[in-house]
Amino acid sequence: MNAIRDTCIMRCRNTTLLQQDYVFRDKYRQNKPNNQSSNQLEEIINGLINELTNEPINELINGTLELMEH
């Protein structure tokens, strides 16, 4: 049971780090010169980050943690 809890906590932390990375990228995008190939790569990366941080995954992790607390 502890292994499952630790895994959920680790995934939550990773999700938080990805979200912080996304905020950093957003700030970086506002301050950098416009470059077409860089923008395409950034769109792909941001799409992957969105896939990794989508709501159903967060809800599943949070729901699992809540169940384990009871």
N, C-alpha and C. Protein backbone atom coordinates (compact mmCIF):
# COMPACT_ATOMS: atom_id res chain seq x y z
N MET A 1 0.83 -1.19 0.00
CA MET A 1 0.00 0.00 0.00
C MET A 1 0.87 1.26 0.00
N ASN A 2 1.98 1.23 0.74
CA ASN A 2 2.88 2.38 0.77
C ASN A 2 3.51 2.63 -0.60
N ALA A 3 3.79 1.55 -1.32
CA ALA A 3 4.38 1.71 -2.65
C ALA A 3 3.42 2.45 -3.58
N ILE A 4 2.14 2.11 -3.50
CA ILE A 4 1.14 2.79 -4.34
C ILE A 4 1.06 4.26 -3.94
N ARG A 5 1.03 4.52 -2.63
CA ARG A 5 0.96 5.90 -2.15
C ARG A 5 2.19 6.69 -2.62
N ASP A 6 3.37 6.09 -2.48
CA ASP A 6 4.61 6.77 -2.89
C ASP A 6 4.60 7.04 -4.38
N THR A 7 4.10 6.09 -5.17
CA THR A 7 4.02 6.28 -6.61
C THR A 7 3.09 7.44 -6.95
N CYS A 8 1.94 7.51 -6.28
CA CYS A 8 0.99 8.59 -6.52
C CYS A 8 1.60 9.93 -6.15
N ILE A 9 2.29 9.98 -5.02
CA ILE A 9 2.91 11.23 -4.59
C ILE A 9 3.98 11.65 -5.60
N MET A 10 4.77 10.68 -6.07
CA MET A 10 5.82 10.98 -7.04
C MET A 10 5.20 11.52 -8.33
N ARG A 11 4.09 10.91 -8.79
CA ARG A 11 3.44 11.38 -10.00
C ARG A 11 2.88 12.78 -9.81
N CYS A 12 2.32 13.05 -8.63
CA CYS A 12 1.80 14.40 -8.35
C CYS A 12 2.94 15.41 -8.41
N ARG A 13 4.08 15.07 -7.81
CA ARG A 13 5.23 15.98 -7.84
C ARG A 13 5.70 16.19 -9.26
N ASN A 14 5.77 15.12 -10.05
CA ASN A 14 6.20 15.25 -11.44
C ASN A 14 5.23 16.13 -12.22
N THR A 15 3.94 15.97 -11.97
CA THR A 15 2.93 16.79 -12.64
C THR A 15 3.13 18.25 -12.27
N THR A 16 3.39 18.50 -11.00
CA THR A 16 3.61 19.89 -10.55
C THR A 16 4.84 20.46 -11.22
N LEU A 17 5.91 19.67 -11.33
CA LEU A 17 7.12 20.15 -11.99
C LEU A 17 6.85 20.45 -13.46
N LEU A 18 6.06 19.60 -14.12
CA LEU A 18 5.72 19.84 -15.52
C LEU A 18 4.89 21.12 -15.66
N GLN A 19 3.97 21.34 -14.75
CA GLN A 19 3.17 22.56 -14.80
C GLN A 19 4.04 23.79 -14.57
N GLN A 20 5.01 23.70 -13.65
CA GLN A 20 5.93 24.82 -13.44
C GLN A 20 6.77 25.05 -14.69
N ASP A 21 7.19 23.97 -15.35
CA ASP A 21 7.95 24.07 -16.58
C ASP A 21 7.11 24.75 -17.65
N TYR A 22 5.83 24.42 -17.71
CA TYR A 22 4.94 25.02 -18.70
C TYR A 22 4.82 26.52 -18.46
N VAL A 23 4.71 26.95 -17.20
CA VAL A 23 4.64 28.37 -16.86
C VAL A 23 5.94 29.06 -17.29
N PHE A 24 7.07 28.41 -17.02
CA PHE A 24 8.36 28.98 -17.42
C PHE A 24 8.42 29.14 -18.93
N ARG A 25 8.00 28.12 -19.67
CA ARG A 25 8.02 28.18 -21.13
C ARG A 25 7.13 29.31 -21.65
N ASP A 26 5.99 29.49 -20.99
CA ASP A 26 5.07 30.54 -21.40
C ASP A 26 5.72 31.91 -21.22
N LYS A 27 6.39 32.12 -20.09
CA LYS A 27 7.09 33.39 -19.84
C LYS A 27 8.22 33.56 -20.85
N TYR A 28 8.94 32.48 -21.14
CA TYR A 28 10.05 32.52 -22.10
C TYR A 28 9.53 32.90 -23.48
N ARG A 29 8.40 32.32 -23.87
CA ARG A 29 7.81 32.57 -25.19
C ARG A 29 7.48 34.05 -25.36
N GLN A 30 7.05 34.70 -24.29
CA GLN A 30 6.67 36.12 -24.36
C GLN A 30 7.90 37.01 -24.57
N ASN A 31 9.07 36.54 -24.15
CA ASN A 31 10.27 37.38 -24.17
C ASN A 31 11.25 37.06 -25.29
N LYS A 32 11.00 36.04 -26.09
CA LYS A 32 11.98 35.64 -27.10
C LYS A 32 11.60 36.18 -28.48
N PRO A 33 12.58 36.30 -29.37
CA PRO A 33 12.27 36.73 -30.74
C PRO A 33 11.47 35.65 -31.47
N ASN A 34 10.73 36.06 -32.47
CA ASN A 34 9.88 35.13 -33.21
C ASN A 34 10.72 34.29 -34.17
N ASN A 35 10.63 32.97 -34.02
CA ASN A 35 11.37 32.05 -34.87
C ASN A 35 10.43 30.90 -35.24
N GLN A 36 10.17 30.73 -36.54
CA GLN A 36 9.13 29.79 -36.98
C GLN A 36 9.42 28.35 -36.57
N SER A 37 10.64 27.84 -36.79
CA SER A 37 10.93 26.44 -36.45
C SER A 37 10.90 26.24 -34.94
N SER A 38 11.36 27.24 -34.22
CA SER A 38 11.33 27.16 -32.77
C SER A 38 9.88 27.13 -32.27
N ASN A 39 9.01 27.91 -32.91
CA ASN A 39 7.60 27.93 -32.52
C ASN A 39 6.94 26.58 -32.76
N GLN A 40 7.28 25.93 -33.88
CA GLN A 40 6.69 24.62 -34.16
C GLN A 40 7.13 23.59 -33.13
N LEU A 41 8.41 23.59 -32.79
CA LEU A 41 8.92 22.67 -31.79
C LEU A 41 8.27 22.94 -30.44
N GLU A 42 8.12 24.21 -30.12
CA GLU A 42 7.52 24.58 -28.84
C GLU A 42 6.06 24.12 -28.78
N GLU A 43 5.34 24.22 -29.90
CA GLU A 43 3.95 23.76 -29.94
C GLU A 43 3.88 22.25 -29.67
N ILE A 44 4.81 21.50 -30.25
CA ILE A 44 4.84 20.05 -30.02
C ILE A 44 5.12 19.75 -28.55
N ILE A 45 6.12 20.44 -27.99
CA ILE A 45 6.48 20.23 -26.58
C ILE A 45 5.31 20.60 -25.67
N ASN A 46 4.68 21.73 -25.95
CA ASN A 46 3.55 22.16 -25.12
C ASN A 46 2.39 21.17 -25.24
N GLY A 47 2.18 20.61 -26.42
CA GLY A 47 1.15 19.59 -26.60
C GLY A 47 1.43 18.36 -25.75
N LEU A 48 2.70 17.95 -25.72
CA LEU A 48 3.08 16.80 -24.90
C LEU A 48 2.89 17.11 -23.41
N ILE A 49 3.27 18.30 -23.00
CA ILE A 49 3.09 18.69 -21.60
C ILE A 49 1.60 18.67 -21.25
N ASN A 50 0.77 19.18 -22.15
CA ASN A 50 -0.68 19.18 -21.89
C ASN A 50 -1.20 17.75 -21.77
N GLU A 51 -0.70 16.86 -22.61
CA GLU A 51 -1.13 15.46 -22.53
C GLU A 51 -0.75 14.85 -21.18
N LEU A 52 0.43 15.20 -20.69
CA LEU A 52 0.92 14.63 -19.43
C LEU A 52 0.25 15.24 -18.21
N THR A 53 -0.30 16.43 -18.36
CA THR A 53 -0.88 17.11 -17.20
C THR A 53 -2.39 17.28 -17.34
N ASN A 54 -3.01 16.44 -18.16
CA ASN A 54 -4.45 16.63 -18.35
C ASN A 54 -5.24 16.27 -17.10
N GLU A 55 -6.41 16.83 -16.99
CA GLU A 55 -7.21 16.73 -15.77
C GLU A 55 -7.55 15.29 -15.33
N PRO A 56 -7.95 14.40 -16.25
CA PRO A 56 -8.31 13.05 -15.78
C PRO A 56 -7.19 12.36 -15.00
N ILE A 57 -5.94 12.55 -15.42
CA ILE A 57 -4.82 11.93 -14.71
C ILE A 57 -4.71 12.52 -13.31
N ASN A 58 -4.80 13.85 -13.22
CA ASN A 58 -4.71 14.51 -11.90
C ASN A 58 -5.85 14.05 -11.00
N GLU A 59 -7.06 13.96 -11.54
CA GLU A 59 -8.20 13.52 -10.75
C GLU A 59 -8.02 12.09 -10.27
N LEU A 60 -7.49 11.23 -11.13
CA LEU A 60 -7.25 9.84 -10.75
C LEU A 60 -6.24 9.75 -9.62
N ILE A 61 -5.13 10.48 -9.75
CA ILE A 61 -4.10 10.46 -8.71
C ILE A 61 -4.66 11.01 -7.40
N ASN A 62 -5.34 12.15 -7.47
CA ASN A 62 -5.88 12.76 -6.26
C ASN A 62 -6.94 11.86 -5.62
N GLY A 63 -7.78 11.23 -6.43
CA GLY A 63 -8.79 10.33 -5.90
C GLY A 63 -8.17 9.13 -5.21
N THR A 64 -7.10 8.61 -5.80
CA THR A 64 -6.40 7.46 -5.20
C THR A 64 -5.80 7.85 -3.86
N LEU A 65 -5.19 9.05 -3.81
CA LEU A 65 -4.59 9.50 -2.55
C LEU A 65 -5.65 9.70 -1.48
N GLU A 66 -6.81 10.25 -1.86
CA GLU A 66 -7.89 10.45 -0.89
C GLU A 66 -8.38 9.12 -0.34
N LEU A 67 -8.52 8.13 -1.22
CA LEU A 67 -8.97 6.81 -0.76
C LEU A 67 -7.97 6.20 0.23
N MET A 68 -6.70 6.42 -0.02
CA MET A 68 -5.68 5.83 0.84
C MET A 68 -5.62 6.51 2.20
N GLU A 69 -6.06 7.76 2.27
CA GLU A 69 -6.04 8.48 3.54
C GLU A 69 -7.13 8.00 4.48
N HIS A 70 -8.21 7.43 3.94
CA HIS A 70 -9.34 7.00 4.77
C HIS A 70 -9.16 5.59 5.29
